[in-house]
Amino acid sequence: MKRAISAADANRRFSEVLRGVRDGGSYIVTSHGKPIAKIIPIDTRDPVREAAKRALLARLRSQPATKPIGRWTRDDIHER
């Protein structure tokens, strides 16, 4: 359940808000009536984020970690 709460109320009742989030609730924090932030439980699974993470890891696994560049000389390391 998402509940709207003003930034001022969230500040005054922060411990209460955190207890609500711990129990599975979520809040939309507003400032002057406009939404500015969400407070949600950290263990909430986001399927889009999880899919993006899997795609990124698969891409990274398919690419070589480094390109073979051969041996460096002392002058290559200490360019002047």
PDB file of N, CA and C in Angstrom:
ATOM      1  N   MET A   1       0.842  -1.169   0.000  1.00  0.00           N
ATOM      2  CA  MET A   1       0.000   0.000   0.000  1.00  0.00           C
ATOM      3  C   MET A   1       0.893   1.240   0.000  1.00  0.00           C
ATOM      4  N   LYS A   2       0.698   2.117  -0.959  1.00  0.00           N
ATOM      5  CA  LYS A   2       1.443   3.374  -1.011  1.00  0.00           C
ATOM      6  C   LYS A   2       0.630   4.447  -0.322  1.00  0.00           C
ATOM      7  N   ARG A   3       1.313   5.193   0.492  1.00  0.00           N
ATOM      8  CA  ARG A   3       0.653   6.262   1.225  1.00  0.00           C
ATOM      9  C   ARG A   3       1.426   7.547   1.000  1.00  0.00           C
ATOM     10  N   ALA A   4       0.730   8.621   0.698  1.00  0.00           N
ATOM     11  CA  ALA A   4       1.387   9.915   0.512  1.00  0.00           C
ATOM     12  C   ALA A   4       1.652  10.541   1.870  1.00  0.00           C
ATOM     13  N   ILE A   5       2.826  11.156   1.992  1.00  0.00           N
ATOM     14  CA  ILE A   5       3.196  11.837   3.228  1.00  0.00           C
ATOM     15  C   ILE A   5       4.039  13.049   2.857  1.00  0.00           C
ATOM     16  N   SER A   6       3.782  14.170   3.516  1.00  0.00           N
ATOM     17  CA  SER A   6       4.567  15.368   3.208  1.00  0.00           C
ATOM     18  C   SER A   6       5.985  15.200   3.748  1.00  0.00           C
ATOM     19  N   ALA A   7       6.923  15.915   3.169  1.00  0.00           N
ATOM     20  CA  ALA A   7       8.305  15.846   3.626  1.00  0.00           C
ATOM     21  C   ALA A   7       8.406  16.257   5.088  1.00  0.00           C
ATOM     22  N   ALA A   8       7.638  17.261   5.483  1.00  0.00           N
ATOM     23  CA  ALA A   8       7.664  17.712   6.878  1.00  0.00           C
ATOM     24  C   ALA A   8       7.157  16.613   7.807  1.00  0.00           C
ATOM     25  N   ASP A   9       6.047  15.949   7.438  1.00  0.00           N
ATOM     26  CA  ASP A   9       5.524  14.859   8.267  1.00  0.00           C
ATOM     27  C   ASP A   9       6.489  13.671   8.290  1.00  0.00           C
ATOM     28  N   ALA A  10       7.081  13.363   7.147  1.00  0.00           N
ATOM     29  CA  ALA A  10       8.045  12.263   7.092  1.00  0.00           C
ATOM     30  C   ALA A  10       9.223  12.551   8.015  1.00  0.00           C
ATOM     31  N   ASN A  11       9.648  13.791   8.063  1.00  0.00           N
ATOM     32  CA  ASN A  11      10.755  14.174   8.931  1.00  0.00           C
ATOM     33  C   ASN A  11      10.361  14.038  10.403  1.00  0.00           C
ATOM     34  N   ARG A  12       9.174  14.533  10.757  1.00  0.00           N
ATOM     35  CA  ARG A  12       8.726  14.474  12.148  1.00  0.00           C
ATOM     36  C   ARG A  12       8.459  13.050  12.615  1.00  0.00           C
ATOM     37  N   ARG A  13       7.982  12.198  11.703  1.00  0.00           N
ATOM     38  CA  ARG A  13       7.563  10.845  12.074  1.00  0.00           C
ATOM     39  C   ARG A  13       8.438   9.786  11.408  1.00  0.00           C
ATOM     40  N   PHE A  14       9.716  10.061  11.270  1.00  0.00           N
ATOM     41  CA  PHE A  14      10.602   9.178  10.510  1.00  0.00           C
ATOM     42  C   PHE A  14      10.633   7.754  11.068  1.00  0.00           C
ATOM     43  N   SER A  15      10.725   7.612  12.378  1.00  0.00           N
ATOM     44  CA  SER A  15      10.748   6.266  12.973  1.00  0.00           C
ATOM     45  C   SER A  15       9.475   5.498  12.642  1.00  0.00           C
ATOM     46  N   GLU A  16       8.345   6.173  12.702  1.00  0.00           N
ATOM     47  CA  GLU A  16       7.065   5.545  12.370  1.00  0.00           C
ATOM     48  C   GLU A  16       7.026   5.133  10.893  1.00  0.00           C
ATOM     49  N   VAL A  17       7.534   6.000  10.028  1.00  0.00           N
ATOM     50  CA  VAL A  17       7.594   5.691   8.592  1.00  0.00           C
ATOM     51  C   VAL A  17       8.459   4.452   8.361  1.00  0.00           C
ATOM     52  N   LEU A  18       9.615   4.397   9.014  1.00  0.00           N
ATOM     53  CA  LEU A  18      10.497   3.234   8.848  1.00  0.00           C
ATOM     54  C   LEU A  18       9.845   1.958   9.348  1.00  0.00           C
ATOM     55  N   ARG A  19       9.124   2.024  10.438  1.00  0.00           N
ATOM     56  CA  ARG A  19       8.411   0.831  10.919  1.00  0.00           C
ATOM     57  C   ARG A  19       7.365   0.388   9.895  1.00  0.00           C
ATOM     58  N   GLY A  20       6.667   1.351   9.311  1.00  0.00           N
ATOM     59  CA  GLY A  20       5.687   1.011   8.281  1.00  0.00           C
ATOM     60  C   GLY A  20       6.325   0.356   7.069  1.00  0.00           C
ATOM     61  N   VAL A  21       7.477   0.852   6.667  1.00  0.00           N
ATOM     62  CA  VAL A  21       8.193   0.266   5.524  1.00  0.00           C
ATOM     63  C   VAL A  21       8.685  -1.132   5.879  1.00  0.00           C
ATOM     64  N   ARG A  22       9.204  -1.285   7.087  1.00  0.00           N
ATOM     65  CA  ARG A  22       9.667  -2.613   7.531  1.00  0.00           C
ATOM     66  C   ARG A  22       8.535  -3.629   7.473  1.00  0.00           C
ATOM     67  N   ASP A  23       7.321  -3.175   7.739  1.00  0.00           N
ATOM     68  CA  ASP A  23       6.158  -4.064   7.724  1.00  0.00           C
ATOM     69  C   ASP A  23       5.549  -4.225   6.333  1.00  0.00           C
ATOM     70  N   GLY A  24       6.228  -3.707   5.305  1.00  0.00           N
ATOM     71  CA  GLY A  24       5.788  -3.912   3.929  1.00  0.00           C
ATOM     72  C   GLY A  24       5.108  -2.720   3.290  1.00  0.00           C
ATOM     73  N   GLY A  25       4.934  -1.649   4.012  1.00  0.00           N
ATOM     74  CA  GLY A  25       4.300  -0.462   3.446  1.00  0.00           C
ATOM     75  C   GLY A  25       5.272   0.344   2.599  1.00  0.00           C
ATOM     76  N   SER A  26       4.749   1.306   1.901  1.00  0.00           N
ATOM     77  CA  SER A  26       5.592   2.210   1.115  1.00  0.00           C
ATOM     78  C   SER A  26       4.965   3.600   1.153  1.00  0.00           C
ATOM     79  N   TYR A  27       5.784   4.600   0.940  1.00  0.00           N
ATOM     80  CA  TYR A  27       5.351   5.986   1.038  1.00  0.00           C
ATOM     81  C   TYR A  27       5.804   6.772  -0.184  1.00  0.00           C
ATOM     82  N   ILE A  28       4.978   7.703  -0.595  1.00  0.00           N
ATOM     83  CA  ILE A  28       5.350   8.706  -1.582  1.00  0.00           C
ATOM     84  C   ILE A  28       5.515  10.004  -0.800  1.00  0.00           C
ATOM     85  N   VAL A  29       6.726  10.548  -0.805  1.00  0.00           N
ATOM     86  CA  VAL A  29       6.998  11.780  -0.081  1.00  0.00           C
ATOM     87  C   VAL A  29       6.708  12.944  -1.017  1.00  0.00           C
ATOM     88  N   THR A  30       5.944  13.911  -0.507  1.00  0.00           N
ATOM     89  CA  THR A  30       5.570  15.065  -1.323  1.00  0.00           C
ATOM     90  C   THR A  30       6.147  16.351  -0.741  1.00  0.00           C
ATOM     91  N   SER A  31       6.363  17.294  -1.623  1.00  0.00           N
ATOM     92  CA  SER A  31       6.782  18.640  -1.221  1.00  0.00           C
ATOM     93  C   SER A  31       5.886  19.614  -1.965  1.00  0.00           C
ATOM     94  N   HIS A  32       5.172  20.424  -1.237  1.00  0.00           N
ATOM     95  CA  HIS A  32       4.206  21.358  -1.821  1.00  0.00           C
ATOM     96  C   HIS A  32       3.212  20.627  -2.726  1.00  0.00           C
ATOM     97  N   GLY A  33       2.830  19.412  -2.294  1.00  0.00           N
ATOM     98  CA  GLY A  33       1.830  18.637  -3.011  1.00  0.00           C
ATOM     99  C   GLY A  33       2.338  17.843  -4.201  1.00  0.00           C
ATOM    100  N   LYS A  34       3.628  17.955  -4.508  1.00  0.00           N
ATOM    101  CA  LYS A  34       4.191  17.231  -5.658  1.00  0.00           C
ATOM    102  C   LYS A  34       5.063  16.080  -5.166  1.00  0.00           C
ATOM    103  N   PRO A  35       4.931  14.895  -5.785  1.00  0.00           N
ATOM    104  CA  PRO A  35       5.752  13.755  -5.366  1.00  0.00           C
ATOM    105  C   PRO A  35       7.234  14.009  -5.671  1.00  0.00           C
ATOM    106  N   ILE A  36       8.082  13.703  -4.680  1.00  0.00           N
ATOM    107  CA  ILE A  36       9.528  13.908  -4.879  1.00  0.00           C
ATOM    108  C   ILE A  36      10.350  12.667  -4.574  1.00  0.00           C
ATOM    109  N   ALA A  37       9.789  11.705  -3.839  1.00  0.00           N
ATOM    110  CA  ALA A  37      10.582  10.520  -3.480  1.00  0.00           C
ATOM    111  C   ALA A  37       9.652   9.376  -3.104  1.00  0.00           C
ATOM    112  N   LYS A  38      10.210   8.161  -3.171  1.00  0.00           N
ATOM    113  CA  LYS A  38       9.514   6.964  -2.700  1.00  0.00           C
ATOM    114  C   LYS A  38      10.342   6.381  -1.565  1.00  0.00           C
ATOM    115  N   ILE A  39       9.671   5.887  -0.557  1.00  0.00           N
ATOM    116  CA  ILE A  39      10.328   5.111   0.484  1.00  0.00           C
ATOM    117  C   ILE A  39       9.688   3.736   0.423  1.00  0.00           C
ATOM    118  N   ILE A  40      10.491   2.737   0.046  1.00  0.00           N
ATOM    119  CA  ILE A  40       9.982   1.383  -0.152  1.00  0.00           C
ATOM    120  C   ILE A  40      10.894   0.388   0.563  1.00  0.00           C
ATOM    121  N   PRO A  41      10.387  -0.807   0.866  1.00  0.00           N
ATOM    122  CA  PRO A  41      11.245  -1.823   1.479  1.00  0.00           C
ATOM    123  C   PRO A  41      12.408  -2.173   0.549  1.00  0.00           C
ATOM    124  N   ILE A  42      13.566  -2.388   1.116  1.00  0.00           N
ATOM    125  CA  ILE A  42      14.759  -2.653   0.316  1.00  0.00           C
ATOM    126  C   ILE A  42      14.714  -4.018  -0.367  1.00  0.00           C
ATOM    127  N   ASP A  43      13.989  -4.967   0.186  1.00  0.00           N
ATOM    128  CA  ASP A  43      13.972  -6.301  -0.402  1.00  0.00           C
ATOM    129  C   ASP A  43      12.941  -6.450  -1.504  1.00  0.00           C
ATOM    130  N   THR A  44      12.339  -5.368  -1.936  1.00  0.00           N
ATOM    131  CA  THR A  44      11.381  -5.416  -3.033  1.00  0.00           C
ATOM    132  C   THR A  44      12.110  -5.811  -4.316  1.00  0.00           C
ATOM    133  N   ARG A  45      11.636  -6.819  -4.985  1.00  0.00           N
ATOM    134  CA  ARG A  45      12.244  -7.283  -6.238  1.00  0.00           C
ATOM    135  C   ARG A  45      11.668  -6.478  -7.395  1.00  0.00           C
ATOM    136  N   ASP A  46      12.543  -5.960  -8.221  1.00  0.00           N
ATOM    137  CA  ASP A  46      12.128  -5.199  -9.397  1.00  0.00           C
ATOM    138  C   ASP A  46      12.483  -6.042 -10.622  1.00  0.00           C
ATOM    139  N   PRO A  47      11.495  -6.611 -11.304  1.00  0.00           N
ATOM    140  CA  PRO A  47      11.793  -7.503 -12.423  1.00  0.00           C
ATOM    141  C   PRO A  47      12.574  -6.817 -13.543  1.00  0.00           C
ATOM    142  N   VAL A  48      12.320  -5.547 -13.796  1.00  0.00           N
ATOM    143  CA  VAL A  48      13.046  -4.833 -14.853  1.00  0.00           C
ATOM    144  C   VAL A  48      14.519  -4.699 -14.466  1.00  0.00           C
ATOM    145  N   ARG A  49      14.768  -4.321 -13.205  1.00  0.00           N
ATOM    146  CA  ARG A  49      16.148  -4.182 -12.734  1.00  0.00           C
ATOM    147  C   ARG A  49      16.878  -5.523 -12.767  1.00  0.00           C
ATOM    148  N   GLU A  50      16.213  -6.587 -12.330  1.00  0.00           N
ATOM    149  CA  GLU A  50      16.829  -7.916 -12.334  1.00  0.00           C
ATOM    150  C   GLU A  50      17.159  -8.362 -13.754  1.00  0.00           C
ATOM    151  N   ALA A  51      16.272  -8.106 -14.726  1.00  0.00           N
ATOM    152  CA  ALA A  51      16.532  -8.472 -16.123  1.00  0.00           C
ATOM    153  C   ALA A  51      17.703  -7.667 -16.679  1.00  0.00           C
ATOM    154  N   ALA A  52      17.766  -6.381 -16.357  1.00  0.00           N
ATOM    155  CA  ALA A  52      18.872  -5.545 -16.825  1.00  0.00           C
ATOM    156  C   ALA A  52      20.190  -6.025 -16.240  1.00  0.00           C
ATOM    157  N   LYS A  53      20.175  -6.409 -14.982  1.00  0.00           N
ATOM    158  CA  LYS A  53      21.390  -6.919 -14.336  1.00  0.00           C
ATOM    159  C   LYS A  53      21.861  -8.211 -15.007  1.00  0.00           C
ATOM    160  N   ARG A  54      20.924  -9.125 -15.273  1.00  0.00           N
ATOM    161  CA  ARG A  54      21.295 -10.381 -15.945  1.00  0.00           C
ATOM    162  C   ARG A  54      21.873 -10.111 -17.327  1.00  0.00           C
ATOM    163  N   ALA A  55      21.264  -9.191 -18.082  1.00  0.00           N
ATOM    164  CA  ALA A  55      21.745  -8.863 -19.425  1.00  0.00           C
ATOM    165  C   ALA A  55      23.139  -8.250 -19.366  1.00  0.00           C
ATOM    166  N   LEU A  56      23.379  -7.360 -18.422  1.00  0.00           N
ATOM    167  CA  LEU A  56      24.695  -6.746 -18.282  1.00  0.00           C
ATOM    168  C   LEU A  56      25.753  -7.788 -17.935  1.00  0.00           C
ATOM    169  N   LEU A  57      25.462  -8.653 -16.980  1.00  0.00           N
ATOM    170  CA  LEU A  57      26.434  -9.672 -16.592  1.00  0.00           C
ATOM    171  C   LEU A  57      26.722 -10.636 -17.735  1.00  0.00           C
ATOM    172  N   ALA A  58      25.703 -11.011 -18.501  1.00  0.00           N
ATOM    173  CA  ALA A  58      25.923 -11.894 -19.655  1.00  0.00           C
ATOM    174  C   ALA A  58      26.820 -11.215 -20.688  1.00  0.00           C
ATOM    175  N   ARG A  59      26.587  -9.923 -20.915  1.00  0.00           N
ATOM    176  CA  ARG A  59      27.420  -9.189 -21.875  1.00  0.00           C
ATOM    177  C   ARG A  59      28.861  -9.099 -21.387  1.00  0.00           C
ATOM    178  N   LEU A  60      29.047  -8.819 -20.112  1.00  0.00           N
ATOM    179  CA  LEU A  60      30.403  -8.719 -19.567  1.00  0.00           C
ATOM    180  C   LEU A  60      31.138 -10.056 -19.632  1.00  0.00           C
ATOM    181  N   ARG A  61      30.417 -11.152 -19.400  1.00  0.00           N
ATOM    182  CA  ARG A  61      31.046 -12.477 -19.479  1.00  0.00           C
ATOM    183  C   ARG A  61      31.465 -12.823 -20.905  1.00  0.00           C
ATOM    184  N   SER A  62      30.767 -12.294 -21.897  1.00  0.00           N
ATOM    185  CA  SER A  62      31.070 -12.632 -23.290  1.00  0.00           C
ATOM    186  C   SER A  62      32.221 -11.811 -23.864  1.00  0.00           C
ATOM    187  N   GLN A  63      32.643 -10.760 -23.168  1.00  0.00           N
ATOM    188  CA  GLN A  63      33.710  -9.899 -23.667  1.00  0.00           C
ATOM    189  C   GLN A  63      35.028 -10.243 -22.981  1.00  0.00           C
ATOM    190  N   PRO A  64      36.121 -10.153 -23.720  1.00  0.00           N
ATOM    191  CA  PRO A  64      37.416 -10.390 -23.072  1.00  0.00           C
ATOM    192  C   PRO A  64      37.710  -9.275 -22.064  1.00  0.00           C
ATOM    193  N   ALA A  65      38.402  -9.648 -21.000  1.00  0.00           N
ATOM    194  CA  ALA A  65      38.710  -8.673 -19.953  1.00  0.00           C
ATOM    195  C   ALA A  65      39.702  -7.631 -20.449  1.00  0.00           C
ATOM    196  N   THR A  66      40.659  -8.039 -21.236  1.00  0.00           N
ATOM    197  CA  THR A  66      41.653  -7.104 -21.775  1.00  0.00           C
ATOM    198  C   THR A  66      41.997  -7.509 -23.193  1.00  0.00           C
ATOM    199  N   LYS A  67      42.532  -6.564 -23.921  1.00  0.00           N
ATOM    200  CA  LYS A  67      43.030  -6.857 -25.247  1.00  0.00           C
ATOM    201  C   LYS A  67      44.513  -7.168 -25.124  1.00  0.00           C
ATOM    202  N   PRO A  68      45.006  -8.135 -25.860  1.00  0.00           N
ATOM    203  CA  PRO A  68      46.441  -8.402 -25.811  1.00  0.00           C
ATOM    204  C   PRO A  68      47.204  -7.206 -26.397  1.00  0.00           C
ATOM    205  N   ILE A  69      48.097  -6.641 -25.622  1.00  0.00           N
ATOM    206  CA  ILE A  69      48.831  -5.463 -26.090  1.00  0.00           C
ATOM    207  C   ILE A  69      50.334  -5.701 -26.175  1.00  0.00           C
ATOM    208  N   GLY A  70      50.763  -6.891 -25.800  1.00  0.00           N
ATOM    209  CA  GLY A  70      52.188  -7.171 -25.865  1.00  0.00           C
ATOM    210  C   GLY A  70      52.920  -6.631 -24.644  1.00  0.00           C
ATOM    211  N   ARG A  71      54.217  -6.716 -24.704  1.00  0.00           N
ATOM    212  CA  ARG A  71      55.040  -6.277 -23.577  1.00  0.00           C
ATOM    213  C   ARG A  71      55.276  -4.782 -23.647  1.00  0.00           C
ATOM    214  N   TRP A  72      55.337  -4.144 -22.489  1.00  0.00           N
ATOM    215  CA  TRP A  72      55.632  -2.722 -22.414  1.00  0.00           C
ATOM    216  C   TRP A  72      57.100  -2.530 -22.082  1.00  0.00           C
ATOM    217  N   THR A  73      57.639  -1.470 -22.600  1.00  0.00           N
ATOM    218  CA  THR A  73      59.007  -1.104 -22.228  1.00  0.00           C
ATOM    219  C   THR A  73      58.941  -0.078 -21.107  1.00  0.00           C
ATOM    220  N   ARG A  74      60.063   0.155 -20.496  1.00  0.00           N
ATOM    221  CA  ARG A  74      60.126   1.166 -19.439  1.00  0.00           C
ATOM    222  C   ARG A  74      59.736   2.537 -19.992  1.00  0.00           C
ATOM    223  N   ASP A  75      60.135   2.838 -21.222  1.00  0.00           N
ATOM    224  CA  ASP A  75      59.798   4.119 -21.841  1.00  0.00           C
ATOM    225  C   ASP A  75      58.285   4.230 -22.082  1.00  0.00           C
ATOM    226  N   ASP A  76      57.613   3.124 -22.404  1.00  0.00           N
ATOM    227  CA  ASP A  76      56.158   3.173 -22.580  1.00  0.00           C
ATOM    228  C   ASP A  76      55.458   3.548 -21.275  1.00  0.00           C
ATOM    229  N   ILE A  77      55.952   3.020 -20.175  1.00  0.00           N
ATOM    230  CA  ILE A  77      55.338   3.290 -18.885  1.00  0.00           C
ATOM    231  C   ILE A  77      55.590   4.721 -18.444  1.00  0.00           C
ATOM    232  N   HIS A  78      56.784   5.216 -18.693  1.00  0.00           N
ATOM    233  CA  HIS A  78      57.178   6.550 -18.237  1.00  0.00           C
ATOM    234  C   HIS A  78      57.314   7.492 -19.419  1.00  0.00           C
ATOM    235  N   GLU A  79      56.201   7.728 -20.123  1.00  0.00           N
ATOM    236  CA  GLU A  79      56.237   8.641 -21.259  1.00  0.00           C
ATOM    237  C   GLU A  79      56.640  10.032 -20.797  1.00  0.00           C
ATOM    238  N   ARG A  80      57.420  10.687 -21.609  1.00  0.00           N
ATOM    239  CA  ARG A  80      57.873  12.037 -21.266  1.00  0.00           C
ATOM    240  C   ARG A  80      57.266  13.037 -22.170  1.00  0.00           C
TER     241      ARG A  80
END
